[in-house]
Amino acid sequence: MSWLELRIFLKGLPTDSLTARAVRGSSPEEDAWTLVPQLLASVVDAVRENTYATVKLGGDPKKTSRMKPPDPIERPGVTVRKQKSNVIRFGGRHGSGAGQLAGVFGGAANQ
């Protein structure tokens, strides 16, 4: 086999072949997440979010008030940040909410 033939052979290898993975230097976890598992994880996340929304919107508010949206399936190389709640609460045990309002509108809170 000539060097040209070897080069063509190596370029034609599938991306999940051992040689291609060794050249990329990827971890075994990253190698497991090819296109098909990524798409399946996206479908599962979408179904879980749809189920959550259906139950939350159609359910009894007293029973569903503490429900939280489902976390997405963890994928290698993707970090999911938990978002802070943007709900501003007034009165009760949560305080007046003046500090949160001041942060939203850029002013100082008078407490």
C-alpha atoms as a PDB file:
ATOM      1  CA  MET A   1       0.000   0.000   0.000  1.00  0.00           C
ATOM      2  CA  SER A   2       1.364   3.404  -0.940  1.00  0.00           C
ATOM      3  CA  TRP A   3       1.346   6.427   1.374  1.00  0.00           C
ATOM      4  CA  LEU A   4      -1.405   8.000  -0.729  1.00  0.00           C
ATOM      5  CA  GLU A   5      -3.558   4.882  -0.447  1.00  0.00           C
ATOM      6  CA  LEU A   6      -2.962   4.770   3.315  1.00  0.00           C
ATOM      7  CA  ARG A   7      -3.940   8.420   3.630  1.00  0.00           C
ATOM      8  CA  ILE A   8      -7.137   7.868   1.633  1.00  0.00           C
ATOM      9  CA  PHE A   9      -7.903   4.757   3.700  1.00  0.00           C
ATOM     10  CA  LEU A  10      -7.453   6.620   7.002  1.00  0.00           C
ATOM     11  CA  LYS A  11      -9.554   9.586   5.868  1.00  0.00           C
ATOM     12  CA  GLY A  12     -12.326   7.197   4.828  1.00  0.00           C
ATOM     13  CA  LEU A  13     -12.587   5.519   8.233  1.00  0.00           C
ATOM     14  CA  PRO A  14     -15.829   6.076  10.141  1.00  0.00           C
ATOM     15  CA  THR A  15     -15.681   8.693  12.899  1.00  0.00           C
ATOM     16  CA  ASP A  16     -16.398   6.051  15.532  1.00  0.00           C
ATOM     17  CA  SER A  17     -13.493   3.810  14.494  1.00  0.00           C
ATOM     18  CA  LEU A  18     -10.709   3.184  16.994  1.00  0.00           C
ATOM     19  CA  THR A  19      -8.146   4.908  14.771  1.00  0.00           C
ATOM     20  CA  ALA A  20     -10.258   8.050  14.363  1.00  0.00           C
ATOM     21  CA  ARG A  21     -10.923   8.187  18.106  1.00  0.00           C
ATOM     22  CA  ALA A  22      -7.202   7.819  18.849  1.00  0.00           C
ATOM     23  CA  VAL A  23      -6.334  10.653  16.452  1.00  0.00           C
ATOM     24  CA  ARG A  24      -9.016  12.900  18.016  1.00  0.00           C
ATOM     25  CA  GLY A  25      -7.899  12.036  21.543  1.00  0.00           C
ATOM     26  CA  SER A  26     -11.474  11.892  22.791  1.00  0.00           C
ATOM     27  CA  SER A  27     -12.611  10.246  26.006  1.00  0.00           C
ATOM     28  CA  PRO A  28     -14.687   7.031  25.996  1.00  0.00           C
ATOM     29  CA  GLU A  29     -17.676   9.010  27.334  1.00  0.00           C
ATOM     30  CA  GLU A  30     -17.505  11.434  24.416  1.00  0.00           C
ATOM     31  CA  ASP A  31     -17.198   8.543  21.978  1.00  0.00           C
ATOM     32  CA  ALA A  32     -20.398   6.991  23.307  1.00  0.00           C
ATOM     33  CA  TRP A  33     -22.371  10.162  22.516  1.00  0.00           C
ATOM     34  CA  THR A  34     -22.567   9.920  18.751  1.00  0.00           C
ATOM     35  CA  LEU A  35     -25.344  11.548  16.717  1.00  0.00           C
ATOM     36  CA  VAL A  36     -28.017   8.929  17.424  1.00  0.00           C
ATOM     37  CA  PRO A  37     -27.700   9.019  21.258  1.00  0.00           C
ATOM     38  CA  GLN A  38     -27.636  12.838  21.123  1.00  0.00           C
ATOM     39  CA  LEU A  39     -30.863  12.896  19.110  1.00  0.00           C
ATOM     40  CA  LEU A  40     -32.504  10.324  21.404  1.00  0.00           C
ATOM     41  CA  ALA A  41     -31.563  12.388  24.459  1.00  0.00           C
ATOM     42  CA  SER A  42     -33.105  15.456  22.791  1.00  0.00           C
ATOM     43  CA  VAL A  43     -36.326  13.533  22.109  1.00  0.00           C
ATOM     44  CA  VAL A  44     -36.481  12.279  25.712  1.00  0.00           C
ATOM     45  CA  ASP A  45     -35.904  15.825  27.018  1.00  0.00           C
ATOM     46  CA  ALA A  46     -38.681  17.161  24.767  1.00  0.00           C
ATOM     47  CA  VAL A  47     -41.139  14.462  25.893  1.00  0.00           C
ATOM     48  CA  ARG A  48     -40.344  15.118  29.559  1.00  0.00           C
ATOM     49  CA  GLU A  49     -40.787  18.895  29.114  1.00  0.00           C
ATOM     50  CA  ASN A  50     -44.067  18.337  27.250  1.00  0.00           C
ATOM     51  CA  THR A  51     -45.336  16.009  29.993  1.00  0.00           C
ATOM     52  CA  TYR A  52     -44.374  18.558  32.642  1.00  0.00           C
ATOM     53  CA  ALA A  53     -46.152  21.375  30.797  1.00  0.00           C
ATOM     54  CA  THR A  54     -49.275  19.268  30.241  1.00  0.00           C
ATOM     55  CA  VAL A  55     -49.530  18.255  33.893  1.00  0.00           C
ATOM     56  CA  LYS A  56     -48.673  21.759  35.137  1.00  0.00           C
ATOM     57  CA  LEU A  57     -51.201  23.520  32.913  1.00  0.00           C
ATOM     58  CA  GLY A  58     -53.981  20.959  33.160  1.00  0.00           C
ATOM     59  CA  GLY A  59     -53.563  19.845  36.750  1.00  0.00           C
ATOM     60  CA  ASP A  60     -54.913  21.120  40.032  1.00  0.00           C
ATOM     61  CA  PRO A  61     -52.925  24.261  40.980  1.00  0.00           C
ATOM     62  CA  LYS A  62     -52.805  23.181  44.622  1.00  0.00           C
ATOM     63  CA  LYS A  63     -51.132  19.904  43.696  1.00  0.00           C
ATOM     64  CA  THR A  64     -48.865  21.167  40.914  1.00  0.00           C
ATOM     65  CA  SER A  65     -47.646  24.411  42.506  1.00  0.00           C
ATOM     66  CA  ARG A  66     -44.418  22.826  43.786  1.00  0.00           C
ATOM     67  CA  MET A  67     -43.633  20.942  40.586  1.00  0.00           C
ATOM     68  CA  LYS A  68     -40.293  21.806  39.014  1.00  0.00           C
ATOM     69  CA  PRO A  69     -39.418  21.381  35.364  1.00  0.00           C
ATOM     70  CA  PRO A  70     -37.360  18.270  34.578  1.00  0.00           C
ATOM     71  CA  ASP A  71     -33.589  18.561  34.254  1.00  0.00           C
ATOM     72  CA  PRO A  72     -32.223  17.687  30.823  1.00  0.00           C
ATOM     73  CA  ILE A  73     -30.193  14.525  30.358  1.00  0.00           C
ATOM     74  CA  GLU A  74     -26.531  15.273  31.004  1.00  0.00           C
ATOM     75  CA  ARG A  75     -24.350  15.231  27.929  1.00  0.00           C
ATOM     76  CA  PRO A  76     -20.552  15.317  27.805  1.00  0.00           C
ATOM     77  CA  GLY A  77     -19.131  18.740  27.091  1.00  0.00           C
ATOM     78  CA  VAL A  78     -22.425  20.509  27.812  1.00  0.00           C
ATOM     79  CA  THR A  79     -22.848  22.325  31.105  1.00  0.00           C
ATOM     80  CA  VAL A  80     -26.374  23.171  32.162  1.00  0.00           C
ATOM     81  CA  ARG A  81     -26.687  26.158  34.445  1.00  0.00           C
ATOM     82  CA  LYS A  82     -29.551  26.321  36.869  1.00  0.00           C
ATOM     83  CA  GLN A  83     -31.448  29.514  36.244  1.00  0.00           C
ATOM     84  CA  LYS A  84     -32.397  31.721  39.138  1.00  0.00           C
ATOM     85  CA  SER A  85     -36.077  32.257  39.607  1.00  0.00           C
ATOM     86  CA  ASN A  86     -37.281  35.564  38.207  1.00  0.00           C
ATOM     87  CA  VAL A  87     -40.316  35.580  40.515  1.00  0.00           C
ATOM     88  CA  ILE A  88     -40.512  38.610  42.784  1.00  0.00           C
ATOM     89  CA  ARG A  89     -42.417  37.860  45.974  1.00  0.00           C
ATOM     90  CA  PHE A  90     -44.107  40.501  48.096  1.00  0.00           C
ATOM     91  CA  GLY A  91     -44.903  40.231  51.789  1.00  0.00           C
ATOM     92  CA  GLY A  92     -45.044  37.076  53.865  1.00  0.00           C
ATOM     93  CA  ARG A  93     -41.944  35.184  54.798  1.00  0.00           C
ATOM     94  CA  HIS A  94     -40.122  36.195  51.613  1.00  0.00           C
ATOM     95  CA  GLY A  95     -39.880  39.891  52.492  1.00  0.00           C
ATOM     96  CA  SER A  96     -41.150  42.859  50.554  1.00  0.00           C
ATOM     97  CA  GLY A  97     -39.285  42.180  47.341  1.00  0.00           C
ATOM     98  CA  ALA A  98     -37.888  45.725  47.301  1.00  0.00           C
ATOM     99  CA  GLY A  99     -34.326  44.456  46.919  1.00  0.00           C
ATOM    100  CA  GLN A 100     -35.298  42.356  43.928  1.00  0.00           C
ATOM    101  CA  LEU A 101     -37.193  45.230  42.319  1.00  0.00           C
ATOM    102  CA  ALA A 102     -34.243  47.554  42.880  1.00  0.00           C
ATOM    103  CA  GLY A 103     -31.984  45.032  41.161  1.00  0.00           C
ATOM    104  CA  VAL A 104     -34.346  44.816  38.202  1.00  0.00           C
ATOM    105  CA  PHE A 105     -34.696  48.587  37.789  1.00  0.00           C
ATOM    106  CA  GLY A 106     -31.149  49.496  38.807  1.00  0.00           C
ATOM    107  CA  GLY A 107     -31.980  51.549  41.885  1.00  0.00           C
ATOM    108  CA  ALA A 108     -31.182  51.264  45.578  1.00  0.00           C
ATOM    109  CA  ALA A 109     -33.566  49.418  47.880  1.00  0.00           C
ATOM    110  CA  ASN A 110     -34.973  51.408  50.792  1.00  0.00           C
ATOM    111  CA  GLN A 111     -35.619  48.859  53.476  1.00  0.00           C
END
